[in-house]
Amino acid sequence: MLEVILTYKGFQPIFETLRGLQFKYNEGVYVLDEQTTNYTATIINDTSNDQLKLQFSKELSFEQYKHLHKIIKIIVESIQAKVDDHQALMGYLDNGNEAYIYHGWSAWVQFLEGAKHVSMEGQKVQVYENQLLLGEGILVESTKAESTNDDFYITECKLITHNGEQTFTGEQLKIIAIGEF
């Protein structure tokens, strides 16, 4: 299990915050509703130390970790908490620095998403914007948006299609490898 400790000061709207994030209170433990998230996370409120202890599996999908990161950010903002996530290592950056579920997260997401898109170059892909298929072909290159938040967006990509080379642009293009060559 991975663990994040959120330390707060004084009275904070913990119950209301966690309830708004779909946590259910059961016998002293807040449990994230697995039916809506496809994973379980628990939080114990240690009132003697003014700490929330969030625990979750180390075997979640990237999308599930993204969801948990957003939950942690909301909790931090709602109760002005300090985050100790040294027991929730996600991976390493290209410079060798460690990235955790909260600290270093944005750089890690940028690194992973960038590597994913580079590895798709030369592969047959489909390009979508808002679930609308824009085109299909061999990915030549892609351009990411310069972003200051945790999100990674492709704004332009070049494909070799049946009609020749085509460039697709948009605010949030989604490129999906389709496993054909």
C-alpha atoms as a PDB file:
ATOM      1  CA  MET A   1       0.000   0.000   0.000  1.00  0.00           C
ATOM      2  CA  LEU A   2       1.062   3.557  -0.693  1.00  0.00           C
ATOM      3  CA  GLU A   3       0.408   6.262   1.876  1.00  0.00           C
ATOM      4  CA  VAL A   4       0.068  10.032   1.904  1.00  0.00           C
ATOM      5  CA  ILE A   5      -0.138  11.984   5.157  1.00  0.00           C
ATOM      6  CA  LEU A   6      -1.986  15.290   5.082  1.00  0.00           C
ATOM      7  CA  THR A   7      -1.312  17.461   8.131  1.00  0.00           C
ATOM      8  CA  TYR A   8      -3.774  20.230   8.958  1.00  0.00           C
ATOM      9  CA  LYS A   9      -4.199  22.818  11.705  1.00  0.00           C
ATOM     10  CA  GLY A  10      -7.232  23.334  13.900  1.00  0.00           C
ATOM     11  CA  PHE A  11     -10.797  22.629  12.897  1.00  0.00           C
ATOM     12  CA  GLN A  12     -11.193  21.924   9.180  1.00  0.00           C
ATOM     13  CA  PRO A  13     -14.214  20.830   7.089  1.00  0.00           C
ATOM     14  CA  ILE A  14     -12.878  17.292   6.728  1.00  0.00           C
ATOM     15  CA  PHE A  15     -16.163  15.379   6.724  1.00  0.00           C
ATOM     16  CA  GLU A  16     -17.753  17.774   4.230  1.00  0.00           C
ATOM     17  CA  THR A  17     -14.692  17.774   1.973  1.00  0.00           C
ATOM     18  CA  LEU A  18     -14.396  13.992   1.876  1.00  0.00           C
ATOM     19  CA  ARG A  19     -18.127  13.489   1.429  1.00  0.00           C
ATOM     20  CA  GLY A  20     -17.997  15.842  -1.563  1.00  0.00           C
ATOM     21  CA  LEU A  21     -15.240  13.639  -3.021  1.00  0.00           C
ATOM     22  CA  GLN A  22     -17.434  10.500  -2.754  1.00  0.00           C
ATOM     23  CA  PHE A  23     -15.819   9.107   0.407  1.00  0.00           C
ATOM     24  CA  LYS A  24     -18.184   7.224   2.707  1.00  0.00           C
ATOM     25  CA  TYR A  25     -17.619   7.175   6.472  1.00  0.00           C
ATOM     26  CA  ASN A  26     -17.674   3.668   7.952  1.00  0.00           C
ATOM     27  CA  GLU A  27     -16.483   2.741  11.460  1.00  0.00           C
ATOM     28  CA  GLY A  28     -13.827   5.440  11.751  1.00  0.00           C
ATOM     29  CA  VAL A  29     -12.550   5.130   8.178  1.00  0.00           C
ATOM     30  CA  TYR A  30     -13.412   7.150   5.090  1.00  0.00           C
ATOM     31  CA  VAL A  31     -13.637   4.845   2.062  1.00  0.00           C
ATOM     32  CA  LEU A  32     -13.663   6.014  -1.541  1.00  0.00           C
ATOM     33  CA  ASP A  33     -16.616   4.468  -3.348  1.00  0.00           C
ATOM     34  CA  GLU A  34     -15.170   1.734  -5.564  1.00  0.00           C
ATOM     35  CA  GLN A  35     -18.299   1.582  -7.734  1.00  0.00           C
ATOM     36  CA  THR A  36     -17.602   4.993  -9.262  1.00  0.00           C
ATOM     37  CA  THR A  37     -13.786   4.858  -9.363  1.00  0.00           C
ATOM     38  CA  ASN A  38     -12.958   1.159  -9.918  1.00  0.00           C
ATOM     39  CA  TYR A  39     -10.443   1.315  -7.067  1.00  0.00           C
ATOM     40  CA  THR A  40     -10.461   1.738  -3.308  1.00  0.00           C
ATOM     41  CA  ALA A  41      -8.720   4.341  -1.203  1.00  0.00           C
ATOM     42  CA  THR A  42      -9.110   4.868   2.528  1.00  0.00           C
ATOM     43  CA  ILE A  43      -8.522   7.821   4.808  1.00  0.00           C
ATOM     44  CA  ILE A  44      -8.167   7.700   8.572  1.00  0.00           C
ATOM     45  CA  ASN A  45      -8.499  10.985  10.441  1.00  0.00           C
ATOM     46  CA  ASP A  46      -5.912  10.914  13.235  1.00  0.00           C
ATOM     47  CA  THR A  47      -7.306  13.815  15.284  1.00  0.00           C
ATOM     48  CA  SER A  48      -4.631  13.479  17.978  1.00  0.00           C
ATOM     49  CA  ASN A  49      -1.980  14.495  15.400  1.00  0.00           C
ATOM     50  CA  ASP A  50      -4.221  16.563  13.075  1.00  0.00           C
ATOM     51  CA  GLN A  51      -3.452  14.227  10.189  1.00  0.00           C
ATOM     52  CA  LEU A  52      -5.333  12.441   7.468  1.00  0.00           C
ATOM     53  CA  LYS A  53      -3.709   9.166   6.395  1.00  0.00           C
ATOM     54  CA  LEU A  54      -4.633   8.268   2.828  1.00  0.00           C
ATOM     55  CA  GLN A  55      -3.850   4.723   1.698  1.00  0.00           C
ATOM     56  CA  PHE A  56      -4.244   3.207  -1.756  1.00  0.00           C
ATOM     57  CA  SER A  57      -2.914   0.353  -3.870  1.00  0.00           C
ATOM     58  CA  LYS A  58       0.437   0.521  -5.617  1.00  0.00           C
ATOM     59  CA  GLU A  59      -1.114  -1.310  -8.577  1.00  0.00           C
ATOM     60  CA  LEU A  60      -3.540   1.258  -9.975  1.00  0.00           C
ATOM     61  CA  SER A  61      -3.791   2.432 -13.565  1.00  0.00           C
ATOM     62  CA  PHE A  62      -2.333   5.750 -14.661  1.00  0.00           C
ATOM     63  CA  GLU A  63      -5.864   7.180 -14.949  1.00  0.00           C
ATOM     64  CA  GLN A  64      -6.674   6.069 -11.397  1.00  0.00           C
ATOM     65  CA  TYR A  65      -3.506   7.724 -10.086  1.00  0.00           C
ATOM     66  CA  LYS A  66      -4.476  10.895 -11.966  1.00  0.00           C
ATOM     67  CA  HIS A  67      -7.850  10.796 -10.222  1.00  0.00           C
ATOM     68  CA  LEU A  68      -6.226  10.299  -6.814  1.00  0.00           C
ATOM     69  CA  HIS A  69      -3.832  13.186  -7.466  1.00  0.00           C
ATOM     70  CA  LYS A  70      -6.814  15.463  -8.151  1.00  0.00           C
ATOM     71  CA  ILE A  71      -8.476  14.272  -4.935  1.00  0.00           C
ATOM     72  CA  ILE A  72      -5.322  15.061  -2.948  1.00  0.00           C
ATOM     73  CA  LYS A  73      -5.133  18.529  -4.510  1.00  0.00           C
ATOM     74  CA  ILE A  74      -8.754  19.254  -3.582  1.00  0.00           C
ATOM     75  CA  ILE A  75      -8.227  18.066   0.004  1.00  0.00           C
ATOM     76  CA  VAL A  76      -5.052  20.171   0.335  1.00  0.00           C
ATOM     77  CA  GLU A  77      -6.866  23.272  -0.916  1.00  0.00           C
ATOM     78  CA  SER A  78      -9.960  22.650   1.219  1.00  0.00           C
ATOM     79  CA  ILE A  79      -8.213  22.079   4.552  1.00  0.00           C
ATOM     80  CA  GLN A  80      -4.900  23.911   3.949  1.00  0.00           C
ATOM     81  CA  ALA A  81      -2.936  20.712   4.516  1.00  0.00           C
ATOM     82  CA  LYS A  82       0.762  20.007   4.202  1.00  0.00           C
ATOM     83  CA  VAL A  83       1.550  16.878   2.211  1.00  0.00           C
ATOM     84  CA  ASP A  84       4.002  14.124   3.086  1.00  0.00           C
ATOM     85  CA  ASP A  85       3.925  11.769   0.117  1.00  0.00           C
ATOM     86  CA  HIS A  86       7.372  10.189   0.452  1.00  0.00           C
ATOM     87  CA  GLN A  87       5.652   6.790   0.812  1.00  0.00           C
ATOM     88  CA  ALA A  88       3.848   7.219  -2.518  1.00  0.00           C
ATOM     89  CA  LEU A  89       6.642   7.112  -5.089  1.00  0.00           C
ATOM     90  CA  MET A  90       5.266   7.024  -8.625  1.00  0.00           C
ATOM     91  CA  GLY A  91       8.506   6.890 -10.600  1.00  0.00           C
ATOM     92  CA  TYR A  92      11.516   8.817 -11.777  1.00  0.00           C
ATOM     93  CA  LEU A  93      11.985  11.768 -14.090  1.00  0.00           C
ATOM     94  CA  ASP A  94      14.422  11.835 -16.995  1.00  0.00           C
ATOM     95  CA  ASN A  95      16.938  13.637 -14.746  1.00  0.00           C
ATOM     96  CA  GLY A  96      16.715  10.864 -12.123  1.00  0.00           C
ATOM     97  CA  ASN A  97      14.671  12.858  -9.597  1.00  0.00           C
ATOM     98  CA  GLU A  98      11.869  11.068  -7.808  1.00  0.00           C
ATOM     99  CA  ALA A  99       8.232  11.876  -8.542  1.00  0.00           C
ATOM    100  CA  TYR A 100       5.458  11.268  -6.038  1.00  0.00           C
ATOM    101  CA  ILE A 101       1.666  11.296  -6.187  1.00  0.00           C
ATOM    102  CA  TYR A 102       1.688  15.001  -5.180  1.00  0.00           C
ATOM    103  CA  HIS A 103       5.232  16.409  -5.253  1.00  0.00           C
ATOM    104  CA  GLY A 104       6.833  16.226  -8.692  1.00  0.00           C
ATOM    105  CA  TRP A 105       3.592  14.952 -10.205  1.00  0.00           C
ATOM    106  CA  SER A 106       3.261  17.514 -12.991  1.00  0.00           C
ATOM    107  CA  ALA A 107       6.792  16.937 -14.285  1.00  0.00           C
ATOM    108  CA  TRP A 108       6.246  13.168 -14.135  1.00  0.00           C
ATOM    109  CA  VAL A 109       2.998  13.351 -16.128  1.00  0.00           C
ATOM    110  CA  GLN A 110       4.675  15.557 -18.728  1.00  0.00           C
ATOM    111  CA  PHE A 111       7.592  13.105 -18.954  1.00  0.00           C
ATOM    112  CA  LEU A 112       5.388   9.997 -19.294  1.00  0.00           C
ATOM    113  CA  GLU A 113       2.936  11.501 -21.761  1.00  0.00           C
ATOM    114  CA  GLY A 114       5.776  12.916 -23.849  1.00  0.00           C
ATOM    115  CA  ALA A 115       7.528   9.546 -23.949  1.00  0.00           C
ATOM    116  CA  LYS A 116       4.271   7.827 -24.876  1.00  0.00           C
ATOM    117  CA  HIS A 117       3.709  10.107 -27.848  1.00  0.00           C
ATOM    118  CA  VAL A 118       7.308   9.862 -29.050  1.00  0.00           C
ATOM    119  CA  SER A 119       7.042   6.058 -28.933  1.00  0.00           C
ATOM    120  CA  MET A 120       3.936   6.228 -31.151  1.00  0.00           C
ATOM    121  CA  GLU A 121       5.835   7.966 -33.954  1.00  0.00           C
ATOM    122  CA  GLY A 122       5.965   5.619 -36.936  1.00  0.00           C
ATOM    123  CA  GLN A 123       2.903   3.731 -35.696  1.00  0.00           C
ATOM    124  CA  LYS A 124      -0.599   3.761 -37.148  1.00  0.00           C
ATOM    125  CA  VAL A 125      -2.778   5.997 -34.994  1.00  0.00           C
ATOM    126  CA  GLN A 126      -6.168   7.633 -34.842  1.00  0.00           C
ATOM    127  CA  VAL A 127      -6.528  11.306 -33.941  1.00  0.00           C
ATOM    128  CA  TYR A 128      -9.575  12.495 -32.007  1.00  0.00           C
ATOM    129  CA  GLU A 129     -10.858  15.782 -30.702  1.00  0.00           C
ATOM    130  CA  ASN A 130     -13.849  15.698 -28.364  1.00  0.00           C
ATOM    131  CA  GLN A 131     -14.482  12.045 -29.295  1.00  0.00           C
ATOM    132  CA  LEU A 132     -14.700  12.970 -33.001  1.00  0.00           C
ATOM    133  CA  LEU A 133     -12.334  11.013 -35.249  1.00  0.00           C
ATOM    134  CA  LEU A 134     -10.323  13.539 -37.266  1.00  0.00           C
ATOM    135  CA  GLY A 135      -8.014  11.166 -39.100  1.00  0.00           C
ATOM    136  CA  GLU A 136      -6.027   7.975 -39.224  1.00  0.00           C
ATOM    137  CA  GLY A 137      -2.534   7.236 -40.469  1.00  0.00           C
ATOM    138  CA  ILE A 138       1.134   6.893 -39.572  1.00  0.00           C
ATOM    139  CA  LEU A 139       2.181   9.413 -36.907  1.00  0.00           C
ATOM    140  CA  VAL A 140       5.092  11.559 -38.074  1.00  0.00           C
ATOM    141  CA  GLU A 141       5.227  14.048 -35.201  1.00  0.00           C
ATOM    142  CA  SER A 142       3.118  15.719 -32.550  1.00  0.00           C
ATOM    143  CA  THR A 143       3.255  19.026 -30.695  1.00  0.00           C
ATOM    144  CA  LYS A 144       2.174  19.420 -27.095  1.00  0.00           C
ATOM    145  CA  ALA A 145       0.622  22.507 -25.575  1.00  0.00           C
ATOM    146  CA  GLU A 146       2.823  24.540 -23.284  1.00  0.00           C
ATOM    147  CA  SER A 147       0.968  23.882 -20.058  1.00  0.00           C
ATOM    148  CA  THR A 148       1.509  25.091 -16.529  1.00  0.00           C
ATOM    149  CA  ASN A 149      -0.827  22.595 -14.898  1.00  0.00           C
ATOM    150  CA  ASP A 150      -0.866  18.809 -14.577  1.00  0.00           C
ATOM    151  CA  ASP A 151      -2.529  18.164 -17.914  1.00  0.00           C
ATOM    152  CA  PHE A 152      -0.794  17.138 -21.128  1.00  0.00           C
ATOM    153  CA  TYR A 153      -2.448  18.212 -24.360  1.00  0.00           C
ATOM    154  CA  ILE A 154      -1.492  17.614 -27.965  1.00  0.00           C
ATOM    155  CA  THR A 155      -2.346  20.642 -30.121  1.00  0.00           C
ATOM    156  CA  GLU A 156      -0.972  19.495 -33.466  1.00  0.00           C
ATOM    157  CA  CYS A 157       0.081  16.294 -35.150  1.00  0.00           C
ATOM    158  CA  LYS A 158       1.223  15.270 -38.585  1.00  0.00           C
ATOM    159  CA  LEU A 159       0.136  11.969 -40.146  1.00  0.00           C
ATOM    160  CA  ILE A 160       0.834  10.177 -43.375  1.00  0.00           C
ATOM    161  CA  THR A 161      -2.635   9.157 -44.548  1.00  0.00           C
ATOM    162  CA  HIS A 162      -4.081   7.569 -47.696  1.00  0.00           C
ATOM    163  CA  ASN A 163      -4.343  11.137 -49.057  1.00  0.00           C
ATOM    164  CA  GLY A 164      -0.724  12.047 -48.274  1.00  0.00           C
ATOM    165  CA  GLU A 165       0.676  14.079 -45.401  1.00  0.00           C
ATOM    166  CA  GLN A 166      -1.971  15.795 -43.271  1.00  0.00           C
ATOM    167  CA  THR A 167      -1.673  18.060 -40.245  1.00  0.00           C
ATOM    168  CA  PHE A 168      -4.395  18.103 -37.602  1.00  0.00           C
ATOM    169  CA  THR A 169      -4.730  20.906 -35.072  1.00  0.00           C
ATOM    170  CA  GLY A 170      -6.921  21.377 -32.028  1.00  0.00           C
ATOM    171  CA  GLU A 171      -6.866  22.360 -28.387  1.00  0.00           C
ATOM    172  CA  GLN A 172      -6.910  18.828 -26.950  1.00  0.00           C
ATOM    173  CA  LEU A 173      -6.145  16.215 -29.563  1.00  0.00           C
ATOM    174  CA  LYS A 174      -6.096  12.621 -28.417  1.00  0.00           C
ATOM    175  CA  ILE A 175      -3.782  10.248 -30.262  1.00  0.00           C
ATOM    176  CA  ILE A 176      -4.447   6.539 -29.937  1.00  0.00           C
ATOM    177  CA  ALA A 177      -2.217   3.800 -31.347  1.00  0.00           C
ATOM    178  CA  ILE A 178      -4.358   1.207 -33.095  1.00  0.00           C
ATOM    179  CA  GLY A 179      -1.808  -1.600 -33.239  1.00  0.00           C
ATOM    180  CA  GLU A 180      -1.465  -1.802 -37.013  1.00  0.00           C
ATOM    181  CA  PHE A 181       1.571  -1.047 -39.137  1.00  0.00           C
END
